[in-house]
Amino acid sequence: MADRFELVACILAKYKQIGNIEQSENGAQFELHGNKYEIIMNNDFKFPIVCIIDCQNDYPHIFVDPIIVDGRKMRAVCLADFDAEVAFLFSDEEKVCFCIDRLIALTELAPTQIVDEYQKEFTHYWDSACFTKNKYAQNNYQLYLDSDGEYQWLDQLIYKNNIIRFADDTRYFNDTARYIRTSDIPVLYLPLLDIHDIIPPLKSQPWTSTQINDIVNGVKYQRISSEAYQMIKRTSYSKKEIVLVIKLNNYFLGCVVQFRNPGTAKLNYKFESQIKDVIPISIRRCDFSYLNEQIGNVASDMRLAIVGVGSLGSYIATELVRAGYMNITIIDPDQYSYDNTFRHSINFFSDGLNKAELLAAELESIHPEVNIHRIIAYLNPDSFEKHRLGSCDAIVFAVGSSDVQLQMNRYFKEKQCSMPVYYAWLEHDGDTSHVAKIQDYSKGCFECIFTDSNGNRCNNVVNSTKPNT
């Protein structure tokens, strides 16, 4: 321990801002800008930990939850994202210098820079404020938006397992069997235009009516759009509470605002003078488009049809959903059998059930906005018209039968089909696969692949004794 203290003390002594260096059980204590700190060199930690002693402030970047060191509760300072650092590459001296340099930088920031630091960790502080013992903390709040740039009113849709969705009443969800009811308390979504001086709720400074009034009524800055403010001024409100969802930078933050007086008054006045309590709630944006954007996808509302959802079609359908397509019709009359186990996306425990029904349930489980239409039938010209598949934006054939493809190809050519048609198939050798796209049936068709200029069959390895040319 003495060697460890000597190492830390030697490093600390090089900093002119640091004074009163003393040995501690696991490192050293020191003073910096009027506060006392302890740097802990514990073998259990990849990096040293710096804790603040006898200080009730929340800055610089004090972790909300204490850490336990040798039975002591310590308030650690969040210096950096150490998971982004490869600790093995640092020497002990470099680790100590890294932590002290960062601590000094944090303690010497200007007030506006401190706000910036708080805003970088906004959701950390916000979520910490949500973990309190109240009836709201047990709920899983999900936010669904079409556009996040404009204010809007949303409903609270209450589902089983304490799931509450904030969404408009026209939004489609595939799990309506889990829906219970719609709350009579509305949700007001407000994107913030100006976030100057807004800091998250802290243990020493929770959010109250002051912060809400500042956001809605623009005490110092115009936080919301003029359209949103004028709407709030016009709105008469009589409920005892309202759910407020705000967008700050790329964060979506929710809180339940409770009013003292349940009587009717203009909403801006209620926000200004009748707030009794502000209860933060943890919400996550969950709409299909937003989650796709997070991985670089562009979600599409194109209506696709997939003919055949066997060993090829089931994977095509799954990948299309994961690529951002949410409206899919799947056509297949066949049943799943154990023979399909290792060449199908459906699991082992589905023997004897229809493939289209099984796959639809699996695809809809990926996200509640995925809309799968099932057609349990063979595809032919009659069933194509019966199920109005001509209204789709594109159709994919993944059936193992060339007869179905050729029959429908001739039908499409006769009808001068205008939508793109994709023919996907695996060769009999199992090593090669193909996709043929017919964009314009006035210029060609799928059958051209199997026919030479004289109208003779060619390029059909399965039905030919000659090498494919």
Protein backbone atom coordinates (compact mmCIF):
# COMPACT_ATOMS: atom_id res chain seq x y z
CA MET A 1 0.00 0.00 0.00
CA ALA A 2 2.89 2.32 0.74
CA ASP A 3 4.29 1.79 -2.77
CA ARG A 4 0.89 2.57 -4.25
CA PHE A 5 0.59 5.76 -2.19
CA GLU A 6 4.07 6.85 -3.16
CA LEU A 7 3.22 6.42 -6.84
CA VAL A 8 -0.02 8.40 -6.55
CA ALA A 9 1.46 11.07 -4.27
CA CYS A 10 4.38 11.59 -6.62
CA ILE A 11 2.01 12.16 -9.53
CA LEU A 12 -0.37 14.42 -7.57
CA ALA A 13 2.52 16.58 -6.39
CA LYS A 14 3.18 17.61 -9.99
CA TYR A 15 -0.16 19.41 -10.22
CA LYS A 16 -0.11 22.96 -8.86
CA GLN A 17 -3.92 22.96 -8.36
CA ILE A 18 -3.71 20.02 -5.91
CA GLY A 19 -2.84 20.31 -2.24
CA ASN A 20 -2.98 18.55 1.16
CA ILE A 21 -2.06 15.12 -0.15
CA GLU A 22 -2.57 12.37 2.43
CA GLN A 23 -2.30 8.62 2.36
CA SER A 24 -5.55 6.62 2.42
CA GLU A 25 -6.24 2.91 2.71
CA ASN A 26 -6.46 2.36 -1.05
CA GLY A 27 -4.66 5.34 -2.51
CA ALA A 28 -4.51 9.00 -1.55
CA GLN A 29 -6.72 11.91 -0.49
CA PHE A 30 -6.19 15.44 -1.78
CA GLU A 31 -7.86 18.83 -2.15
CA LEU A 32 -8.80 20.52 -5.41
CA HIS A 33 -10.60 23.85 -5.77
CA GLY A 34 -12.08 23.71 -2.27
CA ASN A 35 -13.29 20.11 -2.38
CA LYS A 36 -11.70 17.00 -0.95
CA TYR A 37 -11.23 13.91 -3.13
CA GLU A 38 -9.88 10.40 -2.79
CA ILE A 39 -8.29 8.45 -5.60
CA ILE A 40 -8.71 4.71 -5.09
CA MET A 41 -6.20 2.30 -6.63
CA ASN A 42 -8.12 -0.94 -6.24
CA ASN A 43 -7.09 -4.05 -8.14
CA ASP A 44 -10.78 -4.81 -8.76
CA PHE A 45 -11.11 -1.71 -10.96
CA LYS A 46 -9.64 -1.40 -14.44
CA PHE A 47 -9.02 2.31 -13.82
CA PRO A 48 -8.54 4.25 -10.58
CA ILE A 49 -11.74 5.69 -9.11
CA VAL A 50 -11.96 9.27 -7.91
CA CYS A 51 -14.51 9.94 -5.15
CA ILE A 52 -15.62 13.24 -3.67
CA ILE A 53 -15.71 13.49 0.13
CA ASP A 54 -18.23 15.40 2.28
CA CYS A 55 -19.86 17.24 -0.61
CA GLN A 56 -23.57 17.29 -1.46
CA ASN A 57 -23.17 18.90 -4.87
CA ASP A 58 -23.97 16.91 -8.01
CA TYR A 59 -21.11 18.36 -10.01
CA PRO A 60 -18.59 17.49 -11.29
CA HIS A 61 -20.41 14.50 -12.82
CA ILE A 62 -21.16 12.67 -9.59
CA PHE A 63 -22.63 9.21 -10.14
CA VAL A 64 -26.18 8.99 -8.86
CA ASP A 65 -25.69 5.66 -7.11
CA PRO A 66 -22.89 5.25 -4.55
CA ILE A 67 -20.17 2.63 -4.87
CA ILE A 68 -19.00 0.40 -2.03
CA VAL A 69 -15.26 0.35 -1.27
CA ASP A 70 -14.19 -1.73 1.74
CA GLY A 71 -17.65 -1.37 3.23
CA ARG A 72 -17.74 2.40 2.73
CA LYS A 73 -20.33 4.17 0.55
CA MET A 74 -18.46 6.50 -1.76
CA ARG A 75 -19.68 9.10 -4.26
CA ALA A 76 -17.66 8.50 -7.40
CA VAL A 77 -16.98 11.06 -10.11
CA CYS A 78 -17.82 10.08 -13.70
CA LEU A 79 -14.60 10.97 -15.48
CA ALA A 80 -15.01 9.20 -18.83
CA ASP A 81 -16.46 6.19 -20.58
CA PHE A 82 -13.79 3.77 -19.45
CA ASP A 83 -15.35 0.94 -21.43
CA ALA A 84 -14.10 2.80 -24.50
CA GLU A 85 -10.53 2.64 -23.21
CA VAL A 86 -8.32 -0.45 -23.36
CA ALA A 87 -7.11 -0.47 -19.77
CA PHE A 88 -4.47 -3.12 -20.46
CA LEU A 89 -2.55 -0.64 -22.64
CA PHE A 90 -2.18 1.93 -19.84
CA SER A 91 0.51 1.87 -17.17
CA ASP A 92 -0.53 2.66 -13.58
CA GLU A 93 1.05 6.09 -13.91
CA GLU A 94 -0.85 6.81 -17.13
CA LYS A 95 -4.12 5.73 -15.53
CA VAL A 96 -3.66 8.10 -12.59
CA CYS A 97 -2.69 11.00 -14.89
CA PHE A 98 -5.69 10.34 -17.11
CA CYS A 99 -8.09 10.53 -14.16
CA ILE A 100 -6.53 13.61 -12.56
CA ASP A 101 -6.35 15.50 -15.87
CA ARG A 102 -10.00 14.79 -16.50
CA LEU A 103 -11.02 15.78 -12.95
CA ILE A 104 -9.19 19.09 -13.21
CA ALA A 105 -10.76 19.78 -16.59
CA LEU A 106 -14.23 19.15 -15.17
CA THR A 107 -13.73 21.37 -12.13
CA GLU A 108 -12.47 24.29 -14.24
CA LEU A 109 -15.31 24.42 -16.76
CA ALA A 110 -17.32 27.60 -17.26
CA PRO A 111 -21.02 27.53 -16.25
CA THR A 112 -22.20 27.08 -19.83
CA GLN A 113 -19.73 24.23 -20.28
CA ILE A 114 -21.07 22.57 -17.13
CA VAL A 115 -24.57 22.66 -18.63
CA ASP A 116 -23.17 21.02 -21.76
CA GLU A 117 -21.63 18.27 -19.62
CA TYR A 118 -24.95 17.67 -17.86
CA GLN A 119 -26.77 17.52 -21.18
CA LYS A 120 -24.37 14.88 -22.51
CA GLU A 121 -25.51 12.62 -19.66
CA PHE A 122 -29.12 13.81 -19.60
CA THR A 123 -30.77 10.40 -19.88
CA HIS A 124 -28.51 8.97 -17.15
CA TYR A 125 -29.72 11.56 -14.65
CA TRP A 126 -33.28 11.45 -15.95
CA ASP A 127 -33.59 7.67 -15.71
CA SER A 128 -32.07 7.77 -12.24
CA ALA A 129 -34.77 10.23 -11.18
CA CYS A 130 -37.41 7.80 -12.53
CA PHE A 131 -36.36 4.90 -10.31
CA THR A 132 -38.43 5.93 -7.34
CA LYS A 133 -41.12 4.04 -5.48
CA ASN A 134 -44.29 5.29 -7.14
CA LYS A 135 -47.02 3.81 -9.31
CA TYR A 136 -45.43 5.15 -12.50
CA ALA A 137 -42.00 3.56 -12.08
CA GLN A 138 -43.31 0.04 -12.69
CA ASN A 139 -44.53 0.84 -16.21
CA ASN A 140 -42.72 0.30 -19.52
CA TYR A 141 -43.39 3.49 -21.49
CA GLN A 142 -43.00 3.36 -25.29
CA LEU A 143 -43.18 6.35 -27.63
CA TYR A 144 -44.44 6.06 -31.23
CA LEU A 145 -44.15 9.07 -33.56
CA ASP A 146 -44.53 9.69 -37.28
CA SER A 147 -42.65 12.98 -37.05
CA ASP A 148 -40.70 14.28 -34.08
CA GLY A 149 -40.37 17.88 -35.31
CA GLU A 150 -43.85 19.16 -34.43
CA TYR A 151 -45.96 19.24 -31.29
CA GLN A 152 -48.79 16.72 -31.13
CA TRP A 153 -51.33 15.13 -28.82
CA LEU A 154 -51.00 11.40 -28.22
CA ASP A 155 -53.04 8.75 -26.43
CA GLN A 156 -51.92 6.48 -23.61
CA LEU A 157 -52.65 2.96 -24.83
CA ILE A 158 -52.44 0.54 -21.92
CA TYR A 159 -51.37 -3.05 -22.60
CA LYS A 160 -50.73 -6.12 -20.49
CA ASN A 161 -47.47 -6.52 -18.55
CA ASN A 162 -47.44 -2.81 -17.58
CA ILE A 163 -46.72 -1.66 -21.13
CA ILE A 164 -48.02 1.83 -21.94
CA ARG A 165 -47.68 3.19 -25.46
CA PHE A 166 -47.81 6.87 -26.32
CA ALA A 167 -49.26 6.94 -29.85
CA ASP A 168 -52.05 8.46 -31.91
CA ASP A 169 -55.26 6.45 -32.18
CA THR A 170 -54.79 5.69 -35.89
CA ARG A 171 -51.52 3.79 -35.50
CA TYR A 172 -51.62 0.07 -36.33
CA PHE A 173 -50.37 -2.49 -33.82
CA ASN A 174 -50.41 -6.24 -34.46
CA ASP A 175 -50.75 -7.26 -30.80
CA THR A 176 -54.21 -5.89 -30.09
CA ALA A 177 -54.99 -9.03 -28.06
CA ARG A 178 -52.75 -7.55 -25.36
CA TYR A 179 -54.51 -4.16 -25.40
CA ILE A 180 -56.53 -3.33 -22.28
CA ARG A 181 -57.79 0.25 -22.57
CA THR A 182 -56.94 3.86 -23.40
CA SER A 183 -56.23 6.19 -20.50
CA ASP A 184 -58.28 9.38 -20.18
CA ILE A 185 -55.07 11.30 -19.43
CA PRO A 186 -53.62 12.67 -22.70
CA VAL A 187 -49.99 13.02 -23.70
CA LEU A 188 -48.57 16.29 -25.05
CA TYR A 189 -45.41 15.94 -27.13
CA LEU A 190 -43.23 19.07 -27.37
CA PRO A 191 -39.91 19.25 -29.25
CA LEU A 192 -37.65 21.91 -27.73
CA LEU A 193 -36.20 24.61 -29.95
CA ASP A 194 -33.87 26.12 -27.35
CA ILE A 195 -32.19 24.07 -24.62
CA HIS A 196 -29.94 26.73 -23.06
CA ASP A 197 -29.43 26.26 -19.30
CA ILE A 198 -31.65 23.15 -19.10
CA ILE A 199 -30.08 20.60 -16.77
CA PRO A 200 -31.52 17.20 -15.80
CA PRO A 201 -33.13 16.49 -12.43
CA LEU A 202 -30.51 16.00 -9.73
CA LYS A 203 -30.69 14.78 -6.15
CA SER A 204 -29.96 18.31 -4.99
CA GLN A 205 -32.20 19.92 -7.61
CA PRO A 206 -35.19 17.87 -8.82
CA TRP A 207 -37.49 19.17 -11.51
CA THR A 208 -40.41 21.23 -10.22
CA SER A 209 -42.92 23.68 -11.62
CA THR A 210 -40.02 26.05 -12.32
CA GLN A 211 -38.57 23.88 -15.09
CA ILE A 212 -41.96 23.01 -16.62
CA ASN A 213 -43.12 26.62 -16.64
CA ASP A 214 -39.81 27.67 -18.18
CA ILE A 215 -40.29 25.14 -20.99
CA VAL A 216 -43.94 25.87 -21.76
CA ASN A 217 -44.26 29.58 -21.10
CA GLY A 218 -40.78 30.70 -22.16
CA VAL A 219 -39.69 32.41 -18.94
CA LYS A 220 -36.24 33.24 -20.31
CA TYR A 221 -36.03 31.52 -23.70
CA GLN A 222 -38.58 30.51 -26.30
CA ARG A 223 -38.34 26.77 -25.76
CA ILE A 224 -41.21 25.62 -27.98
CA SER A 225 -42.65 26.72 -31.31
CA SER A 226 -45.09 29.62 -31.50
CA GLU A 227 -47.71 27.23 -32.88
CA ALA A 228 -47.34 24.96 -29.86
CA TYR A 229 -47.53 27.86 -27.42
CA GLN A 230 -50.63 29.34 -29.06
CA MET A 231 -52.30 25.92 -28.96
CA ILE A 232 -51.53 25.60 -25.24
CA LYS A 233 -52.95 29.09 -24.60
CA ARG A 234 -56.19 28.17 -26.40
CA THR A 235 -56.64 24.79 -24.72
CA SER A 236 -58.97 24.53 -21.73
CA TYR A 237 -57.90 21.68 -19.46
CA SER A 238 -59.70 20.04 -16.54
CA LYS A 239 -57.78 16.83 -15.81
CA LYS A 240 -55.83 16.44 -12.57
CA GLU A 241 -52.66 15.57 -14.48
CA ILE A 242 -51.09 15.50 -17.91
CA VAL A 243 -48.19 13.55 -19.41
CA LEU A 244 -45.58 15.77 -21.00
CA VAL A 245 -43.04 14.33 -23.44
CA ILE A 246 -40.24 16.61 -24.60
CA LYS A 247 -37.49 16.16 -27.13
CA LEU A 248 -34.16 17.60 -26.01
CA ASN A 249 -31.44 17.14 -28.63
CA ASN A 250 -31.93 13.46 -29.51
CA TYR A 251 -33.39 12.50 -26.13
CA PHE A 252 -37.06 11.81 -25.48
CA LEU A 253 -38.02 12.58 -21.88
CA GLY A 254 -41.35 12.05 -20.17
CA CYS A 255 -42.91 13.33 -16.99
CA VAL A 256 -46.28 13.25 -15.29
CA VAL A 257 -47.32 16.79 -14.33
CA GLN A 258 -49.86 16.84 -11.51
CA PHE A 259 -52.02 19.90 -10.88
CA ARG A 260 -53.28 21.25 -7.55
CA ASN A 261 -56.69 22.24 -8.90
CA PRO A 262 -58.62 19.81 -11.16
CA GLY A 263 -60.94 22.62 -12.28
CA THR A 264 -61.01 23.88 -15.87
CA ALA A 265 -58.46 26.53 -16.85
CA LYS A 266 -56.28 27.41 -19.80
CA LEU A 267 -53.43 24.95 -20.03
CA ASN A 268 -50.68 27.58 -20.04
CA TYR A 269 -52.08 28.96 -16.78
CA LYS A 270 -52.12 25.50 -15.21
CA PHE A 271 -48.46 25.03 -16.16
CA GLU A 272 -47.65 28.48 -14.78
CA SER A 273 -49.34 28.42 -11.39
CA GLN A 274 -51.11 25.14 -10.60
CA ILE A 275 -48.38 22.47 -10.73
CA LYS A 276 -48.26 20.36 -7.59
CA ASP A 277 -45.67 17.78 -8.59
CA VAL A 278 -43.46 16.73 -11.52
CA ILE A 279 -42.72 13.00 -11.72
CA PRO A 280 -40.11 11.92 -14.31
CA ILE A 281 -40.87 8.71 -16.21
CA SER A 282 -38.49 6.70 -18.35
CA ILE A 283 -39.68 6.38 -21.95
CA ARG A 284 -38.06 4.99 -25.08
CA ARG A 285 -38.97 5.79 -28.64
CA CYS A 286 -40.00 2.53 -30.28
CA ASP A 287 -41.71 3.24 -33.61
CA PHE A 288 -40.64 1.07 -36.55
CA SER A 289 -39.18 3.96 -38.56
CA TYR A 290 -37.09 5.32 -35.70
CA LEU A 291 -35.59 1.95 -34.74
CA ASN A 292 -34.66 1.35 -38.37
CA GLU A 293 -32.96 4.73 -38.56
CA GLN A 294 -30.74 3.76 -35.61
CA ILE A 295 -29.04 1.08 -37.74
CA GLY A 296 -29.00 3.01 -41.01
CA ASN A 297 -32.14 1.51 -42.56
CA VAL A 298 -34.79 3.56 -44.30
CA ALA A 299 -38.18 2.16 -43.30
CA SER A 300 -40.62 1.66 -46.14
CA ASP A 301 -44.41 1.38 -46.25
CA MET A 302 -44.28 -0.41 -49.61
CA ARG A 303 -46.72 -3.30 -49.85
CA LEU A 304 -44.82 -6.46 -50.75
CA ALA A 305 -46.08 -9.96 -51.52
CA ILE A 306 -44.01 -13.14 -51.14
CA VAL A 307 -45.20 -16.29 -52.87
CA GLY A 308 -43.88 -19.36 -51.06
CA VAL A 309 -42.47 -19.14 -47.55
CA GLY A 310 -40.48 -22.35 -47.40
CA SER A 311 -36.74 -22.74 -47.03
CA LEU A 312 -36.05 -19.69 -49.23
CA GLY A 313 -39.15 -17.54 -48.79
CA SER A 314 -39.12 -17.63 -44.98
CA TYR A 315 -35.62 -16.13 -44.89
CA ILE A 316 -36.45 -13.58 -47.58
CA ALA A 317 -39.49 -12.45 -45.57
CA THR A 318 -37.50 -12.22 -42.35
CA GLU A 319 -34.70 -10.23 -43.95
CA LEU A 320 -37.18 -7.86 -45.61
CA VAL A 321 -38.71 -7.02 -42.24
CA ARG A 322 -35.28 -6.48 -40.72
CA ALA A 323 -34.38 -4.29 -43.70
CA GLY A 324 -37.28 -1.94 -42.98
CA TYR A 325 -40.34 -3.34 -44.77
CA MET A 326 -43.39 -3.60 -42.54
CA ASN A 327 -46.34 -4.38 -44.87
CA ILE A 328 -45.99 -7.88 -46.32
CA THR A 329 -48.42 -10.44 -47.70
CA ILE A 330 -47.25 -14.05 -47.57
CA ILE A 331 -48.84 -16.78 -49.69
CA ASP A 332 -48.38 -20.48 -48.98
CA PRO A 333 -50.86 -23.38 -48.54
CA ASP A 334 -48.35 -25.89 -47.16
CA GLN A 335 -47.83 -27.20 -43.66
CA TYR A 336 -44.59 -27.19 -41.72
CA SER A 337 -43.06 -30.62 -41.01
CA TYR A 338 -40.05 -31.84 -39.07
CA ASP A 339 -38.21 -32.29 -42.37
CA ASN A 340 -38.15 -28.49 -42.64
CA THR A 341 -36.32 -27.98 -39.36
CA PHE A 342 -32.83 -27.14 -40.61
CA ARG A 343 -33.79 -25.26 -43.74
CA HIS A 344 -36.57 -23.03 -42.46
CA SER A 345 -36.65 -19.99 -40.17
CA ILE A 346 -39.59 -21.44 -38.19
CA ASN A 347 -38.66 -23.42 -35.09
CA PHE A 348 -38.88 -27.17 -34.45
CA PHE A 349 -42.13 -27.15 -32.45
CA SER A 350 -44.42 -26.29 -35.35
CA ASP A 351 -45.09 -29.63 -37.02
CA GLY A 352 -48.41 -29.85 -38.86
CA LEU A 353 -49.22 -26.12 -38.80
CA ASN A 354 -49.51 -23.83 -41.78
CA LYS A 355 -46.25 -22.16 -42.81
CA ALA A 356 -47.88 -18.82 -43.63
CA GLU A 357 -49.60 -18.60 -40.23
CA LEU A 358 -46.46 -19.62 -38.38
CA LEU A 359 -44.20 -17.24 -40.24
CA ALA A 360 -46.65 -14.36 -39.89
CA ALA A 361 -46.68 -14.79 -36.12
CA GLU A 362 -42.88 -14.90 -36.06
CA LEU A 363 -42.51 -11.79 -38.23
CA GLU A 364 -45.04 -9.82 -36.21
CA SER A 365 -43.14 -10.68 -33.05
CA ILE A 366 -40.15 -8.70 -34.41
CA HIS A 367 -42.03 -5.42 -33.94
CA PRO A 368 -45.66 -4.55 -33.07
CA GLU A 369 -46.06 -2.36 -36.18
CA VAL A 370 -45.17 -5.15 -38.63
CA ASN A 371 -48.33 -5.92 -40.61
CA ILE A 372 -48.41 -9.39 -42.17
CA HIS A 373 -51.36 -10.54 -44.29
CA ARG A 374 -51.69 -14.33 -44.64
CA ILE A 375 -53.06 -16.09 -47.69
CA ILE A 376 -53.34 -19.86 -47.25
CA ALA A 377 -53.78 -20.87 -50.87
CA TYR A 378 -51.94 -21.79 -54.04
CA LEU A 379 -51.23 -18.81 -56.26
CA ASN A 380 -52.79 -18.80 -59.70
CA PRO A 381 -54.45 -16.08 -61.80
CA ASP A 382 -57.79 -16.59 -60.05
CA SER A 383 -56.42 -16.36 -56.50
CA PHE A 384 -54.20 -13.43 -57.53
CA GLU A 385 -57.28 -11.45 -58.53
CA LYS A 386 -59.40 -12.73 -55.65
CA HIS A 387 -56.92 -11.45 -53.06
CA ARG A 388 -56.24 -8.23 -55.00
CA LEU A 389 -52.52 -8.79 -55.07
CA GLY A 390 -52.30 -6.43 -58.01
CA SER A 391 -52.47 -3.57 -55.50
CA CYS A 392 -49.06 -4.56 -54.09
CA ASP A 393 -46.01 -2.50 -54.95
CA ALA A 394 -43.86 -5.56 -55.73
CA ILE A 395 -44.13 -9.34 -55.63
CA VAL A 396 -41.45 -11.93 -54.89
CA PHE A 397 -41.67 -15.54 -56.05
CA ALA A 398 -39.77 -17.97 -53.82
CA VAL A 399 -41.61 -21.17 -54.71
CA GLY A 400 -39.80 -24.35 -55.64
CA SER A 401 -42.06 -24.95 -58.65
CA SER A 402 -41.13 -23.40 -61.99
CA ASP A 403 -44.64 -24.22 -63.19
CA VAL A 404 -46.13 -21.65 -60.81
CA GLN A 405 -43.61 -19.06 -61.87
CA LEU A 406 -44.19 -19.68 -65.58
CA GLN A 407 -47.97 -19.72 -65.24
CA MET A 408 -48.01 -16.42 -63.37
CA ASN A 409 -45.39 -14.97 -65.69
CA ARG A 410 -47.66 -15.54 -68.68
CA TYR A 411 -50.55 -14.02 -66.77
CA PHE A 412 -48.50 -10.94 -65.90
CA LYS A 413 -47.38 -10.55 -69.51
CA GLU A 414 -50.96 -10.86 -70.76
CA LYS A 415 -52.10 -8.24 -68.25
CA GLN A 416 -49.06 -6.02 -68.94
CA CYS A 417 -48.26 -6.04 -65.20
CA SER A 418 -46.77 -2.72 -64.11
CA MET A 419 -45.36 -3.68 -60.71
CA PRO A 420 -41.85 -5.14 -60.30
CA VAL A 421 -41.81 -8.94 -60.08
CA TYR A 422 -38.85 -10.82 -58.58
CA TYR A 423 -38.27 -14.51 -59.25
CA ALA A 424 -35.89 -16.04 -56.69
CA TRP A 425 -34.85 -19.68 -56.75
CA LEU A 426 -32.18 -22.13 -55.68
CA GLU A 427 -30.60 -24.52 -58.18
CA HIS A 428 -30.93 -28.26 -57.70
CA ASP A 429 -27.25 -28.55 -56.73
CA GLY A 430 -27.86 -26.41 -53.65
CA ASP A 431 -24.81 -24.27 -54.39
CA THR A 432 -26.25 -21.51 -56.54
CA SER A 433 -29.17 -19.14 -56.36
CA HIS A 434 -30.69 -16.58 -58.69
CA VAL A 435 -32.93 -13.55 -58.66
CA ALA A 436 -34.56 -12.30 -61.86
CA LYS A 437 -36.35 -8.96 -61.81
CA ILE A 438 -39.00 -8.10 -64.39
CA GLN A 439 -39.58 -4.37 -64.27
CA ASP A 440 -41.51 -3.89 -67.52
CA TYR A 441 -43.49 -6.74 -69.08
CA SER A 442 -43.68 -4.94 -72.39
CA LYS A 443 -39.93 -5.52 -72.85
CA GLY A 444 -39.42 -9.05 -71.57
CA CYS A 445 -40.56 -11.71 -69.18
CA PHE A 446 -39.38 -14.52 -66.94
CA GLU A 447 -39.88 -17.15 -69.65
CA CYS A 448 -37.25 -15.45 -71.80
CA ILE A 449 -34.64 -16.92 -69.45
CA PHE A 450 -35.63 -20.42 -70.53
CA THR A 451 -36.17 -19.69 -74.24
CA ASP A 452 -33.66 -18.99 -77.02
CA SER A 453 -34.25 -16.69 -79.99
CA ASN A 454 -35.97 -19.54 -81.85
CA GLY A 455 -38.41 -20.25 -79.03
CA ASN A 456 -36.67 -23.45 -77.92
CA ARG A 457 -36.14 -24.35 -74.25
CA CYS A 458 -32.70 -23.56 -72.84
CA ASN A 459 -30.93 -22.59 -69.61
CA ASN A 460 -32.94 -25.11 -67.59
CA VAL A 461 -30.43 -27.33 -65.82
CA VAL A 462 -33.09 -29.35 -64.04
CA ASN A 463 -34.81 -30.50 -67.26
CA SER A 464 -31.81 -30.66 -69.58
CA THR A 465 -29.30 -33.43 -70.24
CA LYS A 466 -26.88 -30.97 -71.84
CA PRO A 467 -24.53 -28.65 -69.98
CA ASN A 468 -26.08 -25.28 -69.32
CA THR A 469 -24.87 -22.74 -71.87
